[in-house]
Amino acid sequence: MESPSSRDPLTERVIGCAIDVHRALGPGLLESAYEECLCLELKHAGLPCARQVPLPLIYRGTRLDCGYRLDVIVQNELVLEVKAVERLLPIHDAQILSYLRLGGYKTGLLLNFHTVVLKDGIRRFVL
């Protein structure tokens, strides 16, 4: 796990969009509301994104559709996992790391909108 941005321009722009959403809405809403508003903010910033992207599991050479979905992918390279929980747990870290490995992605952000200040709810992961 690294600092929230580590001077990655894409990550910094996405975090800026997330902060704008958090400032407008504050904590206390459902994850789906933050996810939808964040995607709108990303699109306004000129960052292409996709929501609820299916993530198959390949096991012993067989593709299994187990129902995994990535919350948001930005520019086909940055995975966003949106949370609205009291506190982030190690299982949340494991979840995004698994998504990165399974999908072949390098970078991900875990964003917990249920915080007073969003920067306290951001974790960046790089494989």
N, C-alpha and C. Protein backbone atom coordinates (compact mmCIF):
# COMPACT_ATOMS: atom_id res chain seq x y z
N MET A 1 0.86 -1.18 0.00
CA MET A 1 0.00 0.00 0.00
C MET A 1 0.90 1.23 0.00
N GLU A 2 0.49 2.25 -0.75
CA GLU A 2 1.26 3.47 -0.87
C GLU A 2 0.43 4.65 -0.38
N SER A 3 1.06 5.83 -0.37
CA SER A 3 0.32 7.03 -0.03
C SER A 3 -0.77 7.23 -1.08
N PRO A 4 -1.82 8.01 -0.77
CA PRO A 4 -2.96 8.10 -1.67
C PRO A 4 -2.63 8.42 -3.12
N SER A 5 -1.71 9.31 -3.40
CA SER A 5 -1.47 9.64 -4.81
C SER A 5 -0.09 9.22 -5.30
N SER A 6 0.93 9.31 -4.47
CA SER A 6 2.31 8.99 -4.86
C SER A 6 2.69 9.63 -6.19
N ARG A 7 2.16 10.80 -6.46
CA ARG A 7 2.48 11.60 -7.65
C ARG A 7 2.11 10.93 -8.97
N ASP A 8 1.07 10.16 -8.98
CA ASP A 8 0.54 9.58 -10.21
C ASP A 8 -0.55 10.52 -10.70
N PRO A 9 -0.39 11.12 -11.89
CA PRO A 9 -1.36 12.12 -12.36
C PRO A 9 -2.79 11.61 -12.44
N LEU A 10 -3.00 10.39 -12.93
CA LEU A 10 -4.35 9.85 -13.02
C LEU A 10 -4.96 9.68 -11.63
N THR A 11 -4.19 9.10 -10.73
CA THR A 11 -4.67 8.91 -9.37
C THR A 11 -5.01 10.24 -8.72
N GLU A 12 -4.17 11.23 -8.91
CA GLU A 12 -4.42 12.55 -8.33
C GLU A 12 -5.71 13.16 -8.88
N ARG A 13 -5.95 13.02 -10.17
CA ARG A 13 -7.18 13.56 -10.76
C ARG A 13 -8.42 12.85 -10.23
N VAL A 14 -8.33 11.52 -10.12
CA VAL A 14 -9.46 10.75 -9.60
C VAL A 14 -9.73 11.11 -8.14
N ILE A 15 -8.69 11.24 -7.35
CA ILE A 15 -8.87 11.63 -5.95
C ILE A 15 -9.51 13.02 -5.86
N GLY A 16 -9.10 13.92 -6.73
CA GLY A 16 -9.72 15.25 -6.76
C GLY A 16 -11.22 15.16 -7.05
N CYS A 17 -11.59 14.31 -7.99
CA CYS A 17 -13.02 14.11 -8.30
C CYS A 17 -13.75 13.51 -7.10
N ALA A 18 -13.13 12.54 -6.45
CA ALA A 18 -13.75 11.91 -5.27
C ALA A 18 -13.94 12.93 -4.15
N ILE A 19 -12.97 13.79 -3.96
CA ILE A 19 -13.08 14.83 -2.93
C ILE A 19 -14.22 15.77 -3.26
N ASP A 20 -14.37 16.13 -4.52
CA ASP A 20 -15.49 17.00 -4.92
C ASP A 20 -16.83 16.35 -4.59
N VAL A 21 -16.95 15.05 -4.87
CA VAL A 21 -18.19 14.33 -4.56
C VAL A 21 -18.42 14.31 -3.05
N HIS A 22 -17.38 14.03 -2.30
CA HIS A 22 -17.52 13.95 -0.84
C HIS A 22 -17.88 15.31 -0.24
N ARG A 23 -17.28 16.37 -0.76
CA ARG A 23 -17.61 17.72 -0.28
C ARG A 23 -19.08 18.06 -0.53
N ALA A 24 -19.59 17.63 -1.68
CA ALA A 24 -20.97 17.93 -2.04
C ALA A 24 -21.97 17.09 -1.26
N LEU A 25 -21.64 15.83 -1.01
CA LEU A 25 -22.61 14.91 -0.41
C LEU A 25 -22.37 14.61 1.07
N GLY A 26 -21.10 14.64 1.50
CA GLY A 26 -20.77 14.27 2.86
C GLY A 26 -20.94 12.77 3.08
N PRO A 27 -20.65 12.30 4.31
CA PRO A 27 -20.81 10.89 4.62
C PRO A 27 -22.27 10.54 4.88
N GLY A 28 -22.58 9.24 4.86
CA GLY A 28 -23.91 8.78 5.27
C GLY A 28 -24.79 8.22 4.19
N LEU A 29 -24.34 8.22 2.93
CA LEU A 29 -25.15 7.67 1.85
C LEU A 29 -24.69 6.26 1.51
N LEU A 30 -25.42 5.62 0.61
CA LEU A 30 -25.06 4.28 0.16
C LEU A 30 -23.90 4.33 -0.83
N GLU A 31 -23.14 3.25 -0.88
CA GLU A 31 -22.02 3.15 -1.83
C GLU A 31 -22.46 3.43 -3.25
N SER A 32 -23.63 2.93 -3.63
CA SER A 32 -24.10 3.10 -5.01
C SER A 32 -24.29 4.57 -5.36
N ALA A 33 -24.70 5.40 -4.41
CA ALA A 33 -24.87 6.83 -4.67
C ALA A 33 -23.52 7.49 -4.93
N TYR A 34 -22.54 7.16 -4.09
CA TYR A 34 -21.20 7.73 -4.29
C TYR A 34 -20.61 7.26 -5.61
N GLU A 35 -20.81 5.99 -5.93
CA GLU A 35 -20.27 5.44 -7.17
C GLU A 35 -20.85 6.16 -8.39
N GLU A 36 -22.14 6.34 -8.39
CA GLU A 36 -22.78 7.00 -9.53
C GLU A 36 -22.34 8.46 -9.65
N CYS A 37 -22.31 9.16 -8.53
CA CYS A 37 -21.88 10.57 -8.56
C CYS A 37 -20.41 10.70 -8.94
N LEU A 38 -19.59 9.78 -8.46
CA LEU A 38 -18.17 9.81 -8.81
C LEU A 38 -17.99 9.60 -10.31
N CYS A 39 -18.72 8.67 -10.90
CA CYS A 39 -18.62 8.45 -12.35
C CYS A 39 -19.05 9.69 -13.13
N LEU A 40 -20.07 10.36 -12.67
CA LEU A 40 -20.50 11.60 -13.32
C LEU A 40 -19.39 12.65 -13.23
N GLU A 41 -18.78 12.76 -12.06
CA GLU A 41 -17.69 13.72 -11.86
C GLU A 41 -16.48 13.37 -12.74
N LEU A 42 -16.17 12.09 -12.85
CA LEU A 42 -15.06 11.65 -13.70
C LEU A 42 -15.32 11.99 -15.16
N LYS A 43 -16.54 11.75 -15.61
CA LYS A 43 -16.88 12.07 -17.00
C LYS A 43 -16.80 13.57 -17.26
N HIS A 44 -17.23 14.39 -16.29
CA HIS A 44 -17.12 15.84 -16.44
C HIS A 44 -15.66 16.27 -16.50
N ALA A 45 -14.78 15.50 -15.88
CA ALA A 45 -13.35 15.81 -15.89
C ALA A 45 -12.64 15.23 -17.13
N GLY A 46 -13.41 14.59 -18.01
CA GLY A 46 -12.83 14.02 -19.21
C GLY A 46 -12.14 12.69 -19.01
N LEU A 47 -12.47 12.00 -17.93
CA LEU A 47 -11.87 10.70 -17.63
C LEU A 47 -12.87 9.59 -17.92
N PRO A 48 -12.65 8.82 -18.98
CA PRO A 48 -13.58 7.73 -19.28
C PRO A 48 -13.57 6.67 -18.19
N CYS A 49 -14.77 6.20 -17.85
CA CYS A 49 -14.87 5.20 -16.81
C CYS A 49 -16.03 4.26 -17.11
N ALA A 50 -15.99 3.11 -16.46
CA ALA A 50 -17.05 2.12 -16.59
C ALA A 50 -17.42 1.64 -15.20
N ARG A 51 -18.72 1.43 -14.98
CA ARG A 51 -19.23 0.98 -13.68
C ARG A 51 -19.60 -0.50 -13.73
N GLN A 52 -19.45 -1.15 -12.58
CA GLN A 52 -19.90 -2.53 -12.39
C GLN A 52 -19.42 -3.44 -13.53
N VAL A 53 -18.12 -3.44 -13.73
CA VAL A 53 -17.49 -4.21 -14.80
C VAL A 53 -17.33 -5.67 -14.34
N PRO A 54 -17.88 -6.62 -15.10
CA PRO A 54 -17.75 -8.03 -14.71
C PRO A 54 -16.28 -8.46 -14.65
N LEU A 55 -15.97 -9.27 -13.65
CA LEU A 55 -14.61 -9.77 -13.46
C LEU A 55 -14.68 -11.29 -13.33
N PRO A 56 -14.36 -12.00 -14.41
CA PRO A 56 -14.41 -13.46 -14.34
C PRO A 56 -13.24 -14.01 -13.53
N LEU A 57 -13.41 -15.19 -13.04
CA LEU A 57 -12.37 -15.91 -12.31
C LEU A 57 -11.92 -17.05 -13.21
N ILE A 58 -10.61 -17.15 -13.43
CA ILE A 58 -10.06 -18.25 -14.22
C ILE A 58 -9.49 -19.26 -13.23
N TYR A 59 -10.07 -20.45 -13.24
CA TYR A 59 -9.62 -21.50 -12.32
C TYR A 59 -9.34 -22.76 -13.12
N ARG A 60 -8.10 -23.24 -13.05
CA ARG A 60 -7.68 -24.43 -13.78
C ARG A 60 -8.03 -24.34 -15.27
N GLY A 61 -7.80 -23.14 -15.79
CA GLY A 61 -8.03 -22.93 -17.21
C GLY A 61 -9.47 -22.73 -17.62
N THR A 62 -10.37 -22.71 -16.66
CA THR A 62 -11.78 -22.54 -16.96
C THR A 62 -12.25 -21.17 -16.48
N ARG A 63 -12.93 -20.47 -17.36
CA ARG A 63 -13.48 -19.16 -17.01
C ARG A 63 -14.78 -19.36 -16.24
N LEU A 64 -14.83 -18.82 -15.04
CA LEU A 64 -16.01 -18.94 -14.19
C LEU A 64 -16.58 -17.54 -13.93
N ASP A 65 -17.84 -17.39 -14.20
CA ASP A 65 -18.50 -16.12 -13.90
C ASP A 65 -19.14 -16.25 -12.54
N CYS A 66 -18.42 -15.80 -11.52
CA CYS A 66 -18.84 -15.96 -10.13
C CYS A 66 -19.59 -14.74 -9.59
N GLY A 67 -19.84 -13.78 -10.44
CA GLY A 67 -20.58 -12.61 -10.00
C GLY A 67 -19.73 -11.47 -9.49
N TYR A 68 -18.39 -11.57 -9.63
CA TYR A 68 -17.55 -10.47 -9.19
C TYR A 68 -17.69 -9.30 -10.16
N ARG A 69 -17.73 -8.09 -9.60
CA ARG A 69 -17.82 -6.89 -10.41
C ARG A 69 -16.91 -5.82 -9.81
N LEU A 70 -16.19 -5.15 -10.70
CA LEU A 70 -15.37 -4.02 -10.27
C LEU A 70 -16.29 -2.81 -10.20
N ASP A 71 -16.21 -2.06 -9.11
CA ASP A 71 -17.09 -0.89 -8.96
C ASP A 71 -16.90 0.08 -10.12
N VAL A 72 -15.65 0.50 -10.32
CA VAL A 72 -15.36 1.48 -11.38
C VAL A 72 -13.97 1.19 -11.93
N ILE A 73 -13.83 1.32 -13.24
CA ILE A 73 -12.50 1.30 -13.87
C ILE A 73 -12.36 2.62 -14.63
N VAL A 74 -11.26 3.31 -14.39
CA VAL A 74 -10.99 4.59 -15.04
C VAL A 74 -9.91 4.38 -16.10
N GLN A 75 -10.19 4.82 -17.31
CA GLN A 75 -9.27 4.73 -18.45
C GLN A 75 -8.75 3.31 -18.66
N ASN A 76 -9.55 2.34 -18.36
CA ASN A 76 -9.18 0.92 -18.52
C ASN A 76 -7.91 0.54 -17.78
N GLU A 77 -7.54 1.30 -16.72
CA GLU A 77 -6.31 0.97 -16.02
C GLU A 77 -6.36 1.14 -14.51
N LEU A 78 -7.21 1.98 -14.00
CA LEU A 78 -7.26 2.24 -12.56
C LEU A 78 -8.56 1.69 -11.99
N VAL A 79 -8.44 0.76 -11.04
CA VAL A 79 -9.60 0.14 -10.42
C VAL A 79 -9.99 0.94 -9.17
N LEU A 80 -11.27 1.28 -9.07
CA LEU A 80 -11.79 1.98 -7.89
C LEU A 80 -12.74 1.05 -7.16
N GLU A 81 -12.50 0.87 -5.88
CA GLU A 81 -13.42 0.12 -5.03
C GLU A 81 -14.03 1.14 -4.08
N VAL A 82 -15.34 1.34 -4.20
CA VAL A 82 -16.05 2.37 -3.43
C VAL A 82 -16.69 1.72 -2.21
N LYS A 83 -16.43 2.33 -1.05
CA LYS A 83 -16.99 1.85 0.21
C LYS A 83 -17.68 3.00 0.92
N ALA A 84 -18.61 2.64 1.79
CA ALA A 84 -19.26 3.59 2.71
C ALA A 84 -19.44 2.85 4.02
N VAL A 85 -18.31 2.60 4.69
CA VAL A 85 -18.29 1.80 5.92
C VAL A 85 -17.68 2.61 7.06
N GLU A 86 -17.99 2.19 8.27
CA GLU A 86 -17.48 2.91 9.44
C GLU A 86 -15.97 2.97 9.45
N ARG A 87 -15.32 1.85 9.10
CA ARG A 87 -13.86 1.85 8.99
C ARG A 87 -13.44 0.75 8.03
N LEU A 88 -12.33 1.01 7.36
CA LEU A 88 -11.78 0.02 6.44
C LEU A 88 -11.11 -1.09 7.23
N LEU A 89 -11.29 -2.31 6.76
CA LEU A 89 -10.74 -3.49 7.42
C LEU A 89 -9.73 -4.18 6.49
N PRO A 90 -8.91 -5.05 7.03
CA PRO A 90 -7.97 -5.79 6.18
C PRO A 90 -8.65 -6.55 5.03
N ILE A 91 -9.87 -7.01 5.23
CA ILE A 91 -10.58 -7.73 4.18
C ILE A 91 -10.85 -6.82 2.97
N HIS A 92 -11.03 -5.52 3.21
CA HIS A 92 -11.23 -4.58 2.10
C HIS A 92 -9.94 -4.45 1.27
N ASP A 93 -8.80 -4.42 1.96
CA ASP A 93 -7.51 -4.41 1.27
C ASP A 93 -7.36 -5.67 0.43
N ALA A 94 -7.67 -6.82 1.03
CA ALA A 94 -7.55 -8.11 0.33
C ALA A 94 -8.47 -8.13 -0.89
N GLN A 95 -9.65 -7.55 -0.76
CA GLN A 95 -10.60 -7.54 -1.86
C GLN A 95 -10.04 -6.80 -3.07
N ILE A 96 -9.55 -5.60 -2.87
CA ILE A 96 -9.05 -4.84 -4.02
C ILE A 96 -7.77 -5.46 -4.57
N LEU A 97 -6.93 -6.00 -3.72
CA LEU A 97 -5.72 -6.68 -4.22
C LEU A 97 -6.09 -7.89 -5.07
N SER A 98 -7.10 -8.62 -4.65
CA SER A 98 -7.58 -9.77 -5.45
C SER A 98 -8.12 -9.31 -6.79
N TYR A 99 -8.89 -8.22 -6.80
CA TYR A 99 -9.43 -7.69 -8.04
C TYR A 99 -8.30 -7.27 -8.99
N LEU A 100 -7.27 -6.65 -8.45
CA LEU A 100 -6.14 -6.23 -9.29
C LEU A 100 -5.47 -7.45 -9.91
N ARG A 101 -5.21 -8.46 -9.09
CA ARG A 101 -4.55 -9.68 -9.59
C ARG A 101 -5.42 -10.39 -10.62
N LEU A 102 -6.69 -10.61 -10.29
CA LEU A 102 -7.59 -11.34 -11.20
C LEU A 102 -7.78 -10.63 -12.53
N GLY A 103 -7.84 -9.31 -12.49
CA GLY A 103 -8.09 -8.54 -13.71
C GLY A 103 -6.84 -8.13 -14.46
N GLY A 104 -5.66 -8.37 -13.86
CA GLY A 104 -4.42 -7.97 -14.51
C GLY A 104 -4.18 -6.48 -14.48
N TYR A 105 -4.74 -5.81 -13.49
CA TYR A 105 -4.55 -4.36 -13.36
C TYR A 105 -3.38 -4.07 -12.43
N LYS A 106 -2.78 -2.90 -12.59
CA LYS A 106 -1.61 -2.54 -11.80
C LYS A 106 -1.96 -1.68 -10.58
N THR A 107 -2.93 -0.77 -10.74
CA THR A 107 -3.18 0.24 -9.71
C THR A 107 -4.66 0.25 -9.32
N GLY A 108 -4.89 0.45 -8.02
CA GLY A 108 -6.25 0.55 -7.53
C GLY A 108 -6.36 1.54 -6.37
N LEU A 109 -7.54 2.09 -6.24
CA LEU A 109 -7.85 2.98 -5.11
C LEU A 109 -9.03 2.40 -4.34
N LEU A 110 -8.88 2.35 -3.04
CA LEU A 110 -9.96 2.00 -2.14
C LEU A 110 -10.43 3.31 -1.54
N LEU A 111 -11.70 3.67 -1.80
CA LEU A 111 -12.25 4.96 -1.40
C LEU A 111 -13.40 4.74 -0.42
N ASN A 112 -13.22 5.14 0.83
CA ASN A 112 -14.28 5.03 1.82
C ASN A 112 -14.90 6.40 2.05
N PHE A 113 -16.12 6.58 1.58
CA PHE A 113 -16.81 7.87 1.67
C PHE A 113 -17.45 8.11 3.03
N HIS A 114 -17.43 7.12 3.91
CA HIS A 114 -18.04 7.28 5.24
C HIS A 114 -17.00 7.81 6.23
N THR A 115 -16.39 8.94 5.88
CA THR A 115 -15.40 9.61 6.74
C THR A 115 -15.71 11.09 6.76
N VAL A 116 -15.26 11.76 7.80
CA VAL A 116 -15.47 13.20 7.89
C VAL A 116 -14.63 13.91 6.83
N VAL A 117 -13.38 13.48 6.68
CA VAL A 117 -12.47 14.01 5.67
C VAL A 117 -12.08 12.85 4.77
N LEU A 118 -12.35 12.96 3.47
CA LEU A 118 -12.16 11.83 2.57
C LEU A 118 -10.73 11.32 2.55
N LYS A 119 -9.75 12.21 2.65
CA LYS A 119 -8.36 11.74 2.58
C LYS A 119 -8.05 10.68 3.63
N ASP A 120 -8.81 10.65 4.71
CA ASP A 120 -8.63 9.63 5.74
C ASP A 120 -9.19 8.28 5.31
N GLY A 121 -9.96 8.26 4.22
CA GLY A 121 -10.57 7.02 3.74
C GLY A 121 -10.04 6.56 2.41
N ILE A 122 -8.83 7.00 2.04
CA ILE A 122 -8.26 6.65 0.73
C ILE A 122 -7.04 5.77 0.93
N ARG A 123 -7.01 4.67 0.20
CA ARG A 123 -5.83 3.81 0.16
C ARG A 123 -5.51 3.51 -1.31
N ARG A 124 -4.22 3.56 -1.63
CA ARG A 124 -3.76 3.28 -3.01
C ARG A 124 -2.95 2.01 -3.00
N PHE A 125 -3.19 1.17 -4.01
CA PHE A 125 -2.50 -0.10 -4.12
C PHE A 125 -1.86 -0.21 -5.48
N VAL A 126 -0.64 -0.73 -5.52
CA VAL A 126 0.07 -0.96 -6.78
C VAL A 126 0.67 -2.36 -6.74
N LEU A 127 0.38 -3.14 -7.77
CA LEU A 127 0.99 -4.48 -7.87
C LEU A 127 2.28 -4.42 -8.64
